[in-house]
PDB file of N, CA and C in Angstrom:
ATOM      1  N   UNK A   1      49.662 -12.232  85.855  1.00  0.00           N
ATOM      2  CA  UNK A   1      48.245 -12.630  86.261  1.00  0.00           C
ATOM      3  C   UNK A   1      48.124 -13.859  86.429  1.00  0.00           C
ATOM      4  N   UNK A   2      47.367 -14.343  87.258  1.00  0.00           N
ATOM      5  CA  UNK A   2      47.070 -15.672  87.804  1.00  0.00           C
ATOM      6  C   UNK A   2      45.636 -16.353  86.886  1.00  0.00           C
ATOM      7  N   UNK A   3      46.104 -17.508  86.581  1.00  0.00           N
ATOM      8  CA  UNK A   3      44.623 -18.049  85.878  1.00  0.00           C
ATOM      9  C   UNK A   3      44.044 -19.192  86.482  1.00  0.00           C
ATOM     10  N   UNK A   4      42.482 -18.842  86.722  1.00  0.00           N
ATOM     11  CA  UNK A   4      41.771 -19.959  87.742  1.00  0.00           C
ATOM     12  C   UNK A   4      42.008 -21.066  87.055  1.00  0.00           C
ATOM     13  N   UNK A   5      41.621 -22.251  88.065  1.00  0.00           N
ATOM     14  CA  UNK A   5      41.728 -23.534  87.727  1.00  0.00           C
ATOM     15  C   UNK A   5      40.660 -23.639  86.711  1.00  0.00           C
ATOM     16  N   UNK A   6      39.471 -23.428  86.809  1.00  0.00           N
ATOM     17  CA  UNK A   6      38.337 -23.655  85.609  1.00  0.00           C
ATOM     18  C   UNK A   6      38.831 -23.152  84.250  1.00  0.00           C
ATOM     19  N   UNK A   7      39.533 -22.006  84.588  1.00  0.00           N
ATOM     20  CA  UNK A   7      39.949 -21.202  83.094  1.00  0.00           C
ATOM     21  C   UNK A   7      40.898 -22.447  82.280  1.00  0.00           C
ATOM     22  N   UNK A   8      42.070 -22.946  83.207  1.00  0.00           N
ATOM     23  CA  UNK A   8      42.881 -23.965  82.850  1.00  0.00           C
ATOM     24  C   UNK A   8      42.381 -25.091  82.464  1.00  0.00           C
ATOM     25  N   UNK A   9      41.333 -25.378  83.102  1.00  0.00           N
ATOM     26  CA  UNK A   9      40.747 -26.642  82.588  1.00  0.00           C
ATOM     27  C   UNK A   9      39.928 -26.752  80.984  1.00  0.00           C
ATOM     28  N   UNK A  10      39.705 -25.383  80.629  1.00  0.00           N
ATOM     29  CA  UNK A  10      39.181 -25.264  79.403  1.00  0.00           C
ATOM     30  C   UNK A  10      40.236 -25.536  78.368  1.00  0.00           C
ATOM     31  N   UNK A  11      41.609 -25.610  78.408  1.00  0.00           N
ATOM     32  CA  UNK A  11      42.457 -25.881  77.275  1.00  0.00           C
ATOM     33  C   UNK A  11      42.419 -27.580  77.276  1.00  0.00           C
ATOM     34  N   UNK A  12      42.619 -27.722  75.845  1.00  0.00           N
ATOM     35  CA  UNK A  12      42.547 -29.216  75.503  1.00  0.00           C
ATOM     36  C   UNK A  12      43.759 -29.408  75.350  1.00  0.00           C
ATOM     37  N   UNK A  13      44.800 -29.907  75.928  1.00  0.00           N
ATOM     38  CA  UNK A  13      46.119 -29.999  75.641  1.00  0.00           C
ATOM     39  C   UNK A  13      46.320 -31.384  75.226  1.00  0.00           C
ATOM     40  N   UNK A  14      47.094 -31.871  74.115  1.00  0.00           N
ATOM     41  CA  UNK A  14      47.129 -32.933  73.846  1.00  0.00           C
ATOM     42  C   UNK A  14      48.566 -33.678  73.046  1.00  0.00           C
ATOM     43  N   UNK A  15      48.722 -34.645  73.130  1.00  0.00           N
ATOM     44  CA  UNK A  15      50.021 -35.418  72.523  1.00  0.00           C
ATOM     45  C   UNK A  15      50.014 -35.425  71.012  1.00  0.00           C
ATOM     46  N   UNK A  16      50.743 -34.885  70.029  1.00  0.00           N
ATOM     47  CA  UNK A  16      50.630 -34.786  68.675  1.00  0.00           C
ATOM     48  C   UNK A  16      52.054 -35.401  68.289  1.00  0.00           C
ATOM     49  N   UNK A  17      51.835 -36.161  67.027  1.00  0.00           N
ATOM     50  CA  UNK A  17      53.045 -36.349  66.268  1.00  0.00           C
ATOM     51  C   UNK A  17      52.996 -35.772  64.899  1.00  0.00           C
ATOM     52  N   UNK A  18      54.148 -35.015  64.774  1.00  0.00           N
ATOM     53  CA  UNK A  18      54.467 -34.404  63.305  1.00  0.00           C
ATOM     54  C   UNK A  18      54.596 -35.215  62.166  1.00  0.00           C
ATOM     55  N   UNK A  19      53.547 -34.920  61.368  1.00  0.00           N
ATOM     56  CA  UNK A  19      53.731 -36.015  60.383  1.00  0.00           C
ATOM     57  C   UNK A  19      54.386 -35.565  59.080  1.00  0.00           C
ATOM     58  N   UNK A  20      54.303 -34.213  58.912  1.00  0.00           N
ATOM     59  CA  UNK A  20      55.061 -33.759  57.744  1.00  0.00           C
ATOM     60  C   UNK A  20      55.210 -32.124  57.896  1.00  0.00           C
ATOM     61  N   UNK A  21      56.156 -31.746  57.370  1.00  0.00           N
ATOM     62  CA  UNK A  21      56.446 -30.314  57.528  1.00  0.00           C
ATOM     63  C   UNK A  21      57.127 -29.529  56.028  1.00  0.00           C
ATOM     64  N   UNK A  22      56.314 -28.459  55.621  1.00  0.00           N
ATOM     65  CA  UNK A  22      56.787 -28.158  54.619  1.00  0.00           C
ATOM     66  C   UNK A  22      57.050 -26.827  54.663  1.00  0.00           C
ATOM     67  N   UNK A  23      58.068 -26.119  53.666  1.00  0.00           N
ATOM     68  CA  UNK A  23      58.477 -24.553  53.817  1.00  0.00           C
ATOM     69  C   UNK A  23      57.084 -23.969  53.396  1.00  0.00           C
ATOM     70  N   UNK A  24      56.794 -22.489  53.575  1.00  0.00           N
ATOM     71  CA  UNK A  24      55.836 -21.696  53.340  1.00  0.00           C
ATOM     72  C   UNK A  24      56.520 -20.604  52.332  1.00  0.00           C
ATOM     73  N   UNK A  25      56.455 -20.535  50.927  1.00  0.00           N
ATOM     74  CA  UNK A  25      57.177 -19.762  50.103  1.00  0.00           C
ATOM     75  C   UNK A  25      57.386 -18.275  50.609  1.00  0.00           C
ATOM     76  N   UNK A  26      58.319 -17.575  50.593  1.00  0.00           N
ATOM     77  CA  UNK A  26      58.510 -16.415  51.158  1.00  0.00           C
ATOM     78  C   UNK A  26      58.556 -16.080  52.603  1.00  0.00           C
ATOM     79  N   UNK A  27      58.337 -17.320  53.319  1.00  0.00           N
ATOM     80  CA  UNK A  27      58.378 -17.140  54.918  1.00  0.00           C
ATOM     81  C   UNK A  27      59.684 -17.936  55.375  1.00  0.00           C
ATOM     82  N   UNK A  28      60.501 -17.230  56.059  1.00  0.00           N
ATOM     83  CA  UNK A  28      61.923 -17.967  56.433  1.00  0.00           C
ATOM     84  C   UNK A  28      61.854 -18.226  58.241  1.00  0.00           C
ATOM     85  N   UNK A  29      60.547 -17.776  58.775  1.00  0.00           N
ATOM     86  CA  UNK A  29      60.306 -18.272  60.240  1.00  0.00           C
ATOM     87  C   UNK A  29      59.401 -19.282  60.600  1.00  0.00           C
ATOM     88  N   UNK A  30      58.188 -19.697  59.534  1.00  0.00           N
ATOM     89  CA  UNK A  30      57.430 -20.611  59.793  1.00  0.00           C
ATOM     90  C   UNK A  30      57.266 -21.499  58.895  1.00  0.00           C
ATOM     91  N   UNK A  31      56.606 -22.808  59.200  1.00  0.00           N
ATOM     92  CA  UNK A  31      56.561 -23.485  58.020  1.00  0.00           C
ATOM     93  C   UNK A  31      55.194 -24.280  58.179  1.00  0.00           C
ATOM     94  N   UNK A  32      54.698 -25.157  57.402  1.00  0.00           N
ATOM     95  CA  UNK A  32      53.336 -25.717  57.509  1.00  0.00           C
ATOM     96  C   UNK A  32      53.470 -27.215  57.918  1.00  0.00           C
ATOM     97  N   UNK A  33      52.797 -27.635  58.876  1.00  0.00           N
ATOM     98  CA  UNK A  33      53.079 -28.682  59.430  1.00  0.00           C
ATOM     99  C   UNK A  33      51.740 -29.548  59.417  1.00  0.00           C
ATOM    100  N   UNK A  34      51.835 -30.778  59.351  1.00  0.00           N
ATOM    101  CA  UNK A  34      50.543 -31.701  59.394  1.00  0.00           C
ATOM    102  C   UNK A  34      50.832 -32.374  60.915  1.00  0.00           C
ATOM    103  N   UNK A  35      50.017 -32.487  61.885  1.00  0.00           N
ATOM    104  CA  UNK A  35      49.984 -33.399  63.111  1.00  0.00           C
ATOM    105  C   UNK A  35      48.923 -34.036  63.057  1.00  0.00           C
ATOM    106  N   UNK A  36      49.285 -35.437  63.812  1.00  0.00           N
ATOM    107  CA  UNK A  36      48.316 -36.244  63.968  1.00  0.00           C
ATOM    108  C   UNK A  36      48.238 -36.585  65.544  1.00  0.00           C
ATOM    109  N   UNK A  37      46.387 -36.048  65.379  1.00  0.00           N
ATOM    110  CA  UNK A  37      45.930 -35.897  67.007  1.00  0.00           C
ATOM    111  C   UNK A  37      45.005 -37.294  67.048  1.00  0.00           C
ATOM    112  N   UNK A  38      45.791 -38.660  66.934  1.00  0.00           N
ATOM    113  CA  UNK A  38      44.700 -40.043  66.908  1.00  0.00           C
ATOM    114  C   UNK A  38      43.938 -39.974  65.908  1.00  0.00           C
ATOM    115  N   UNK A  39      42.671 -39.803  66.023  1.00  0.00           N
ATOM    116  CA  UNK A  39      42.081 -40.187  64.607  1.00  0.00           C
ATOM    117  C   UNK A  39      41.735 -39.133  63.726  1.00  0.00           C
ATOM    118  N   UNK A  40      42.496 -37.888  63.923  1.00  0.00           N
ATOM    119  CA  UNK A  40      42.396 -36.765  63.102  1.00  0.00           C
ATOM    120  C   UNK A  40      43.542 -36.328  62.786  1.00  0.00           C
ATOM    121  N   UNK A  41      43.891 -35.395  61.579  1.00  0.00           N
ATOM    122  CA  UNK A  41      45.011 -34.816  61.361  1.00  0.00           C
ATOM    123  C   UNK A  41      44.714 -33.374  61.162  1.00  0.00           C
ATOM    124  N   UNK A  42      45.517 -32.445  61.568  1.00  0.00           N
ATOM    125  CA  UNK A  42      45.297 -31.435  61.287  1.00  0.00           C
ATOM    126  C   UNK A  42      46.656 -30.517  60.938  1.00  0.00           C
ATOM    127  N   UNK A  43      46.269 -28.995  60.236  1.00  0.00           N
ATOM    128  CA  UNK A  43      47.164 -28.327  59.399  1.00  0.00           C
ATOM    129  C   UNK A  43      47.661 -27.421  60.655  1.00  0.00           C
ATOM    130  N   UNK A  44      49.012 -27.252  61.000  1.00  0.00           N
ATOM    131  CA  UNK A  44      49.323 -26.147  62.110  1.00  0.00           C
ATOM    132  C   UNK A  44      50.431 -25.353  61.451  1.00  0.00           C
ATOM    133  N   UNK A  45      50.705 -24.104  61.700  1.00  0.00           N
ATOM    134  CA  UNK A  45      51.902 -23.520  61.415  1.00  0.00           C
ATOM    135  C   UNK A  45      52.850 -23.584  62.745  1.00  0.00           C
ATOM    136  N   UNK A  46      54.051 -23.743  61.917  1.00  0.00           N
ATOM    137  CA  UNK A  46      55.072 -24.031  63.066  1.00  0.00           C
ATOM    138  C   UNK A  46      56.175 -22.691  63.251  1.00  0.00           C
ATOM    139  N   UNK A  47      56.271 -22.366  64.050  1.00  0.00           N
ATOM    140  CA  UNK A  47      57.367 -21.166  64.174  1.00  0.00           C
ATOM    141  C   UNK A  47      58.746 -21.853  64.341  1.00  0.00           C
ATOM    142  N   UNK A  48      59.622 -20.899  64.503  1.00  0.00           N
ATOM    143  CA  UNK A  48      61.138 -21.121  64.804  1.00  0.00           C
ATOM    144  C   UNK A  48      61.794 -21.806  63.691  1.00  0.00           C
ATOM    145  N   UNK A  49      61.356 -21.770  62.417  1.00  0.00           N
ATOM    146  CA  UNK A  49      62.162 -22.464  61.144  1.00  0.00           C
ATOM    147  C   UNK A  49      63.141 -22.193  60.950  1.00  0.00           C
ATOM    148  N   UNK A  50      63.710 -20.843  61.511  1.00  0.00           N
ATOM    149  CA  UNK A  50      65.236 -20.776  61.214  1.00  0.00           C
ATOM    150  C   UNK A  50      66.035 -21.474  61.840  1.00  0.00           C
ATOM    151  N   UNK A  51      65.678 -22.131  62.824  1.00  0.00           N
ATOM    152  CA  UNK A  51      66.369 -22.882  64.044  1.00  0.00           C
ATOM    153  C   UNK A  51      66.505 -24.396  63.412  1.00  0.00           C
ATOM    154  N   UNK A  52      65.531 -24.747  62.780  1.00  0.00           N
ATOM    155  CA  UNK A  52      65.433 -26.282  62.416  1.00  0.00           C
ATOM    156  C   UNK A  52      65.269 -26.371  61.067  1.00  0.00           C
ATOM    157  N   UNK A  53      65.622 -27.813  60.675  1.00  0.00           N
ATOM    158  CA  UNK A  53      65.341 -27.995  59.310  1.00  0.00           C
ATOM    159  C   UNK A  53      63.947 -28.816  59.375  1.00  0.00           C
ATOM    160  N   UNK A  54      63.042 -28.792  58.158  1.00  0.00           N
ATOM    161  CA  UNK A  54      61.838 -29.563  58.393  1.00  0.00           C
ATOM    162  C   UNK A  54      61.763 -30.863  58.663  1.00  0.00           C
ATOM    163  N   UNK A  55      62.795 -31.543  58.347  1.00  0.00           N
ATOM    164  CA  UNK A  55      62.984 -33.061  58.312  1.00  0.00           C
ATOM    165  C   UNK A  55      63.209 -33.175  59.696  1.00  0.00           C
ATOM    166  N   UNK A  56      63.742 -32.275  60.539  1.00  0.00           N
ATOM    167  CA  UNK A  56      64.055 -32.533  61.803  1.00  0.00           C
ATOM    168  C   UNK A  56      63.025 -32.761  62.651  1.00  0.00           C
ATOM    169  N   UNK A  57      61.740 -31.988  62.104  1.00  0.00           N
ATOM    170  CA  UNK A  57      60.813 -31.892  63.045  1.00  0.00           C
ATOM    171  C   UNK A  57      59.832 -33.438  62.518  1.00  0.00           C
ATOM    172  N   UNK A  58      59.846 -33.619  61.691  1.00  0.00           N
ATOM    173  CA  UNK A  58      59.051 -34.905  61.129  1.00  0.00           C
ATOM    174  C   UNK A  58      59.158 -36.241  62.162  1.00  0.00           C
ATOM    175  N   UNK A  59      58.069 -36.697  62.548  1.00  0.00           N
ATOM    176  CA  UNK A  59      58.044 -37.731  63.560  1.00  0.00           C
ATOM    177  C   UNK A  59      58.398 -37.445  65.062  1.00  0.00           C
ATOM    178  N   UNK A  60      58.620 -36.059  65.386  1.00  0.00           N
ATOM    179  CA  UNK A  60      58.651 -35.589  66.721  1.00  0.00           C
ATOM    180  C   UNK A  60      57.282 -35.775  67.219  1.00  0.00           C
ATOM    181  N   UNK A  61      57.223 -36.279  68.696  1.00  0.00           N
ATOM    182  CA  UNK A  61      55.843 -36.165  69.407  1.00  0.00           C
ATOM    183  C   UNK A  61      56.051 -34.999  70.401  1.00  0.00           C
ATOM    184  N   UNK A  62      54.971 -34.134  70.124  1.00  0.00           N
ATOM    185  CA  UNK A  62      55.024 -32.801  70.615  1.00  0.00           C
ATOM    186  C   UNK A  62      53.693 -32.871  71.610  1.00  0.00           C
ATOM    187  N   UNK A  63      53.292 -31.667  72.174  1.00  0.00           N
ATOM    188  CA  UNK A  63      52.142 -31.252  72.994  1.00  0.00           C
ATOM    189  C   UNK A  63      51.716 -29.803  72.466  1.00  0.00           C
ATOM    190  N   UNK A  64      50.514 -29.940  72.199  1.00  0.00           N
ATOM    191  CA  UNK A  64      49.445 -28.962  71.008  1.00  0.00           C
ATOM    192  C   UNK A  64      48.230 -28.445  72.144  1.00  0.00           C
ATOM    193  N   UNK A  65      48.109 -27.243  71.908  1.00  0.00           N
ATOM    194  CA  UNK A  65      46.952 -27.103  72.493  1.00  0.00           C
ATOM    195  C   UNK A  65      45.651 -27.211  71.335  1.00  0.00           C
ATOM    196  N   UNK A  66      44.943 -27.844  71.434  1.00  0.00           N
ATOM    197  CA  UNK A  66      43.961 -28.309  70.371  1.00  0.00           C
ATOM    198  C   UNK A  66      42.760 -27.706  70.141  1.00  0.00           C
ATOM    199  N   UNK A  67      42.654 -27.068  71.073  1.00  0.00           N
ATOM    200  CA  UNK A  67      40.992 -26.275  70.932  1.00  0.00           C
ATOM    201  C   UNK A  67      41.305 -24.686  70.887  1.00  0.00           C
ATOM    202  N   UNK A  68      42.401 -24.310  70.499  1.00  0.00           N
ATOM    203  CA  UNK A  68      42.775 -22.846  70.189  1.00  0.00           C
ATOM    204  C   UNK A  68      41.725 -22.712  68.831  1.00  0.00           C
ATOM    205  N   UNK A  69      41.333 -21.569  68.930  1.00  0.00           N
ATOM    206  CA  UNK A  69      40.783 -20.978  67.674  1.00  0.00           C
ATOM    207  C   UNK A  69      41.426 -20.871  66.492  1.00  0.00           C
ATOM    208  N   UNK A  70      41.134 -21.276  65.284  1.00  0.00           N
ATOM    209  CA  UNK A  70      41.951 -21.486  64.147  1.00  0.00           C
ATOM    210  C   UNK A  70      42.352 -19.905  63.979  1.00  0.00           C
ATOM    211  N   UNK A  71      43.683 -19.739  63.364  1.00  0.00           N
ATOM    212  CA  UNK A  71      44.271 -18.470  63.100  1.00  0.00           C
ATOM    213  C   UNK A  71      44.686 -18.729  61.573  1.00  0.00           C
ATOM    214  N   UNK A  72      44.753 -17.564  60.855  1.00  0.00           N
ATOM    215  CA  UNK A  72      45.298 -17.568  59.286  1.00  0.00           C
ATOM    216  C   UNK A  72      46.485 -17.055  59.517  1.00  0.00           C
ATOM    217  N   UNK A  73      47.424 -17.704  59.231  1.00  0.00           N
ATOM    218  CA  UNK A  73      48.847 -17.262  59.181  1.00  0.00           C
ATOM    219  C   UNK A  73      49.615 -17.482  57.877  1.00  0.00           C
ATOM    220  N   UNK A  74      49.977 -16.391  57.123  1.00  0.00           N
ATOM    221  CA  UNK A  74      50.639 -16.708  55.740  1.00  0.00           C
ATOM    222  C   UNK A  74      49.532 -17.221  54.799  1.00  0.00           C
ATOM    223  N   UNK A  75      48.206 -16.641  55.006  1.00  0.00           N
ATOM    224  CA  UNK A  75      47.092 -17.209  54.418  1.00  0.00           C
ATOM    225  C   UNK A  75      46.711 -19.011  54.459  1.00  0.00           C
ATOM    226  N   UNK A  76      47.474 -19.491  55.437  1.00  0.00           N
ATOM    227  CA  UNK A  76      46.905 -20.835  55.831  1.00  0.00           C
ATOM    228  C   UNK A  76      46.356 -21.052  57.396  1.00  0.00           C
ATOM    229  N   UNK A  77      45.442 -21.630  57.304  1.00  0.00           N
ATOM    230  CA  UNK A  77      44.645 -21.843  58.535  1.00  0.00           C
ATOM    231  C   UNK A  77      45.268 -22.616  59.411  1.00  0.00           C
ATOM    232  N   UNK A  78      45.880 -22.367  61.067  1.00  0.00           N
ATOM    233  CA  UNK A  78      46.367 -23.124  61.562  1.00  0.00           C
ATOM    234  C   UNK A  78      45.213 -23.581  62.594  1.00  0.00           C
ATOM    235  N   UNK A  79      45.189 -24.729  62.800  1.00  0.00           N
ATOM    236  CA  UNK A  79      44.124 -25.609  64.074  1.00  0.00           C
ATOM    237  C   UNK A  79      44.873 -26.230  65.077  1.00  0.00           C
ATOM    238  N   UNK A  80      45.930 -25.698  65.672  1.00  0.00           N
ATOM    239  CA  UNK A  80      46.353 -25.991  67.091  1.00  0.00           C
ATOM    240  C   UNK A  80      47.443 -25.239  67.137  1.00  0.00           C
ATOM    241  N   UNK A  81      48.021 -25.271  68.069  1.00  0.00           N
ATOM    242  CA  UNK A  81      49.292 -24.703  68.743  1.00  0.00           C
ATOM    243  C   UNK A  81      50.416 -25.404  69.204  1.00  0.00           C
ATOM    244  N   UNK A  82      51.373 -25.942  68.720  1.00  0.00           N
ATOM    245  CA  UNK A  82      52.391 -26.595  69.286  1.00  0.00           C
ATOM    246  C   UNK A  82      53.056 -25.715  70.681  1.00  0.00           C
ATOM    247  N   UNK A  83      53.148 -26.076  71.566  1.00  0.00           N
ATOM    248  CA  UNK A  83      54.062 -25.790  72.707  1.00  0.00           C
ATOM    249  C   UNK A  83      55.429 -25.956  72.832  1.00  0.00           C
ATOM    250  N   UNK A  84      56.128 -24.892  73.239  1.00  0.00           N
ATOM    251  CA  UNK A  84      57.354 -24.678  73.479  1.00  0.00           C
ATOM    252  C   UNK A  84      58.013 -23.912  74.575  1.00  0.00           C
ATOM    253  N   UNK A  85      59.071 -24.429  74.760  1.00  0.00           N
ATOM    254  CA  UNK A  85      59.907 -23.323  76.002  1.00  0.00           C
ATOM    255  C   UNK A  85      60.715 -22.279  74.877  1.00  0.00           C
ATOM    256  N   UNK A  86      60.982 -20.947  75.117  1.00  0.00           N
ATOM    257  CA  UNK A  86      61.433 -20.025  74.471  1.00  0.00           C
ATOM    258  C   UNK A  86      62.812 -19.509  75.353  1.00  0.00           C
ATOM    259  N   UNK A  87      63.955 -19.880  74.775  1.00  0.00           N
ATOM    260  CA  UNK A  87      65.353 -19.708  75.185  1.00  0.00           C
ATOM    261  C   UNK A  87      66.120 -18.708  74.355  1.00  0.00           C
ATOM    262  N   UNK A  88      65.991 -17.511  74.567  1.00  0.00           N
ATOM    263  CA  UNK A  88      66.725 -16.561  73.782  1.00  0.00           C
ATOM    264  C   UNK A  88      66.130 -16.485  72.212  1.00  0.00           C
ATOM    265  N   UNK A  89      64.662 -16.595  72.449  1.00  0.00           N
ATOM    266  CA  UNK A  89      64.160 -16.667  71.040  1.00  0.00           C
ATOM    267  C   UNK A  89      63.981 -17.688  70.280  1.00  0.00           C
ATOM    268  N   UNK A  90      64.489 -18.449  70.866  1.00  0.00           N
ATOM    269  CA  UNK A  90      64.539 -20.162  69.969  1.00  0.00           C
ATOM    270  C   UNK A  90      63.513 -21.025  70.817  1.00  0.00           C
ATOM    271  N   UNK A  91      62.910 -21.857  69.811  1.00  0.00           N
ATOM    272  CA  UNK A  91      61.796 -22.656  70.755  1.00  0.00           C
ATOM    273  C   UNK A  91      62.206 -23.991  70.703  1.00  0.00           C
ATOM    274  N   UNK A  92      61.836 -24.363  71.987  1.00  0.00           N
ATOM    275  CA  UNK A  92      62.521 -25.875  72.047  1.00  0.00           C
ATOM    276  C   UNK A  92      60.833 -26.612  72.454  1.00  0.00           C
ATOM    277  N   UNK A  93      60.716 -27.160  71.295  1.00  0.00           N
ATOM    278  CA  UNK A  93      59.298 -28.101  71.719  1.00  0.00           C
ATOM    279  C   UNK A  93      59.238 -28.881  72.842  1.00  0.00           C
ATOM    280  N   UNK A  94      57.838 -28.751  73.318  1.00  0.00           N
ATOM    281  CA  UNK A  94      57.713 -29.646  74.520  1.00  0.00           C
ATOM    282  C   UNK A  94      57.488 -31.008  73.826  1.00  0.00           C
ATOM    283  N   UNK A  95      58.148 -32.160  74.332  1.00  0.00           N
ATOM    284  CA  UNK A  95      58.111 -33.460  73.841  1.00  0.00           C
ATOM    285  C   UNK A  95      57.717 -34.366  75.020  1.00  0.00           C
ATOM    286  N   UNK A  96      57.724 -35.706  74.715  1.00  0.00           N
ATOM    287  CA  UNK A  96      57.540 -36.748  75.824  1.00  0.00           C
ATOM    288  C   UNK A  96      58.584 -37.732  75.692  1.00  0.00           C
ATOM    289  N   UNK A  97      59.065 -38.449  76.721  1.00  0.00           N
ATOM    290  CA  UNK A  97      59.948 -39.225  76.573  1.00  0.00           C
ATOM    291  C   UNK A  97      59.677 -40.519  76.415  1.00  0.00           C
ATOM    292  N   UNK A  98      58.332 -41.004  77.024  1.00  0.00           N
ATOM    293  CA  UNK A  98      57.414 -42.283  76.817  1.00  0.00           C
ATOM    294  C   UNK A  98      56.811 -42.492  75.578  1.00  0.00           C
ATOM    295  N   UNK A  99      56.444 -43.294  75.153  1.00  0.00           N
ATOM    296  CA  UNK A  99      55.805 -43.576  73.625  1.00  0.00           C
ATOM    297  C   UNK A  99      54.302 -43.460  74.213  1.00  0.00           C
ATOM    298  N   UNK A 100      53.924 -42.390  73.918  1.00  0.00           N
ATOM    299  CA  UNK A 100      52.409 -41.861  74.424  1.00  0.00           C
ATOM    300  C   UNK A 100      51.784 -41.560  72.808  1.00  0.00           C
ATOM    301  N   UNK A 101      50.654 -42.188  72.942  1.00  0.00           N
ATOM    302  CA  UNK A 101      49.988 -42.207  71.624  1.00  0.00           C
ATOM    303  C   UNK A 101      49.410 -40.932  71.043  1.00  0.00           C
ATOM    304  N   UNK A 102      49.252 -40.378  69.892  1.00  0.00           N
ATOM    305  CA  UNK A 102      48.799 -39.141  69.297  1.00  0.00           C
ATOM    306  C   UNK A 102      47.437 -38.936  69.693  1.00  0.00           C
ATOM    307  N   UNK A 103      47.206 -38.071  70.268  1.00  0.00           N
ATOM    308  CA  UNK A 103      45.492 -37.862  70.601  1.00  0.00           C
ATOM    309  C   UNK A 103      45.333 -37.719  72.091  1.00  0.00           C
ATOM    310  N   UNK A 104      46.249 -38.465  72.769  1.00  0.00           N
ATOM    311  CA  UNK A 104      46.473 -38.505  74.531  1.00  0.00           C
ATOM    312  C   UNK A 104      46.165 -37.128  75.013  1.00  0.00           C
ATOM    313  N   UNK A 105      45.165 -37.075  76.051  1.00  0.00           N
ATOM    314  CA  UNK A 105      44.697 -36.038  76.644  1.00  0.00           C
ATOM    315  C   UNK A 105      45.829 -35.586  77.566  1.00  0.00           C
ATOM    316  N   UNK A 106      46.190 -34.574  78.014  1.00  0.00           N
ATOM    317  CA  UNK A 106      46.999 -33.998  78.909  1.00  0.00           C
ATOM    318  C   UNK A 106      46.214 -33.750  80.149  1.00  0.00           C
ATOM    319  N   UNK A 107      46.401 -34.033  81.335  1.00  0.00           N
ATOM    320  CA  UNK A 107      45.687 -33.368  82.411  1.00  0.00           C
ATOM    321  C   UNK A 107      46.326 -32.882  83.612  1.00  0.00           C
TER     322      UNK A 107
END
Protein backbone atom coordinates (compact mmCIF):
# COMPACT_ATOMS: atom_id res chain seq x y z
CA UNK A 1 0.00 0.00 0.00
CA UNK A 2 1.33 3.42 -0.91
CA UNK A 3 0.82 6.39 1.40
CA UNK A 4 0.25 9.87 0.11
CA UNK A 5 2.70 12.63 0.96
CA UNK A 6 -0.11 14.40 2.82
CA UNK A 7 -0.67 11.35 5.05
CA UNK A 8 3.06 10.95 5.70
CA UNK A 9 3.31 14.66 6.58
CA UNK A 10 0.79 14.10 9.39
CA UNK A 11 3.36 12.06 11.32
CA UNK A 12 5.25 13.95 13.99
CA UNK A 13 8.62 12.19 13.95
CA UNK A 14 11.05 13.49 16.56
CA UNK A 15 14.33 12.78 18.25
CA UNK A 16 13.97 11.53 21.82
CA UNK A 17 16.41 10.54 24.54
CA UNK A 18 15.61 7.56 26.76
CA UNK A 19 15.87 8.86 30.33
CA UNK A 20 14.83 5.78 32.27
CA UNK A 21 13.68 2.21 31.77
CA UNK A 22 12.10 -0.17 34.25
CA UNK A 23 10.72 -3.68 34.05
CA UNK A 24 6.97 -4.26 34.10
CA UNK A 25 6.08 -7.01 36.61
CA UNK A 26 4.87 -10.14 34.85
CA UNK A 27 5.98 -8.94 31.41
CA UNK A 28 9.14 -10.27 29.77
CA UNK A 29 8.89 -8.65 26.32
CA UNK A 30 8.08 -5.03 27.21
CA UNK A 31 9.42 -2.40 29.60
CA UNK A 32 8.25 1.04 30.72
CA UNK A 33 10.43 3.91 29.56
CA UNK A 34 10.51 7.67 30.01
CA UNK A 35 11.69 9.62 26.97
CA UNK A 36 12.66 13.27 26.76
CA UNK A 37 11.20 15.22 23.85
CA UNK A 38 12.78 18.59 24.47
CA UNK A 39 10.57 20.45 26.93
CA UNK A 40 8.46 17.42 27.87
CA UNK A 41 8.86 13.85 29.03
CA UNK A 42 6.57 10.98 28.09
CA UNK A 43 5.91 7.44 29.20
CA UNK A 44 6.42 4.86 26.45
CA UNK A 45 6.17 1.12 26.36
CA UNK A 46 9.27 -0.33 24.71
CA UNK A 47 9.15 -3.78 23.12
CA UNK A 48 12.02 -6.18 22.64
CA UNK A 49 12.87 -6.39 26.33
CA UNK A 50 13.97 -9.99 25.89
CA UNK A 51 16.89 -8.75 23.77
CA UNK A 52 18.12 -5.79 25.85
CA UNK A 53 18.88 -4.99 29.45
CA UNK A 54 17.04 -1.84 30.60
CA UNK A 55 20.37 -0.18 31.47
CA UNK A 56 21.53 -0.63 27.86
CA UNK A 57 18.67 1.55 26.58
CA UNK A 58 19.13 4.45 28.99
CA UNK A 59 20.76 7.43 27.30
CA UNK A 60 20.09 6.26 23.74
CA UNK A 61 18.95 8.91 21.29
CA UNK A 62 16.11 7.40 19.25
CA UNK A 63 13.41 8.32 16.75
CA UNK A 64 9.76 8.34 17.91
CA UNK A 65 6.33 8.93 16.45
CA UNK A 66 5.22 11.67 18.84
CA UNK A 67 1.63 12.14 17.68
CA UNK A 68 0.46 8.54 17.80
CA UNK A 69 -2.77 8.09 19.76
CA UNK A 70 -2.03 6.94 23.33
CA UNK A 71 -2.46 3.21 23.88
CA UNK A 72 -2.67 1.20 27.09
CA UNK A 73 -0.34 -1.77 27.26
CA UNK A 74 0.00 -3.81 30.45
CA UNK A 75 -2.21 -1.19 32.12
CA UNK A 76 0.23 1.64 31.30
CA UNK A 77 -0.58 4.39 28.81
CA UNK A 78 2.11 4.71 26.14
CA UNK A 79 2.36 8.20 24.64
CA UNK A 80 4.74 7.71 21.71
CA UNK A 81 6.30 4.88 19.72
CA UNK A 82 9.99 4.19 19.25
CA UNK A 83 10.89 3.29 15.67
CA UNK A 84 12.95 0.19 15.05
CA UNK A 85 14.12 -2.04 12.25
CA UNK A 86 12.97 -5.64 12.68
CA UNK A 87 15.54 -8.34 11.92
CA UNK A 88 14.32 -11.86 12.72
CA UNK A 89 11.87 -10.40 15.29
CA UNK A 90 14.64 -8.48 17.09
CA UNK A 91 14.24 -4.68 17.20
CA UNK A 92 17.14 -2.42 16.28
CA UNK A 93 16.25 1.07 17.48
CA UNK A 94 16.62 3.88 14.97
CA UNK A 95 19.26 6.19 16.40
CA UNK A 96 21.26 9.19 15.19
CA UNK A 97 25.02 9.53 14.94
CA UNK A 98 25.16 13.30 15.42
CA UNK A 99 24.38 15.12 18.66
CA UNK A 100 20.77 16.11 17.88
CA UNK A 101 18.76 17.66 20.75
CA UNK A 102 15.70 15.79 22.02
CA UNK A 103 12.50 17.20 20.59
CA UNK A 104 14.02 18.01 17.19
CA UNK A 105 11.48 17.35 14.43
CA UNK A 106 12.38 15.04 11.57
CA UNK A 107 11.37 16.31 8.16
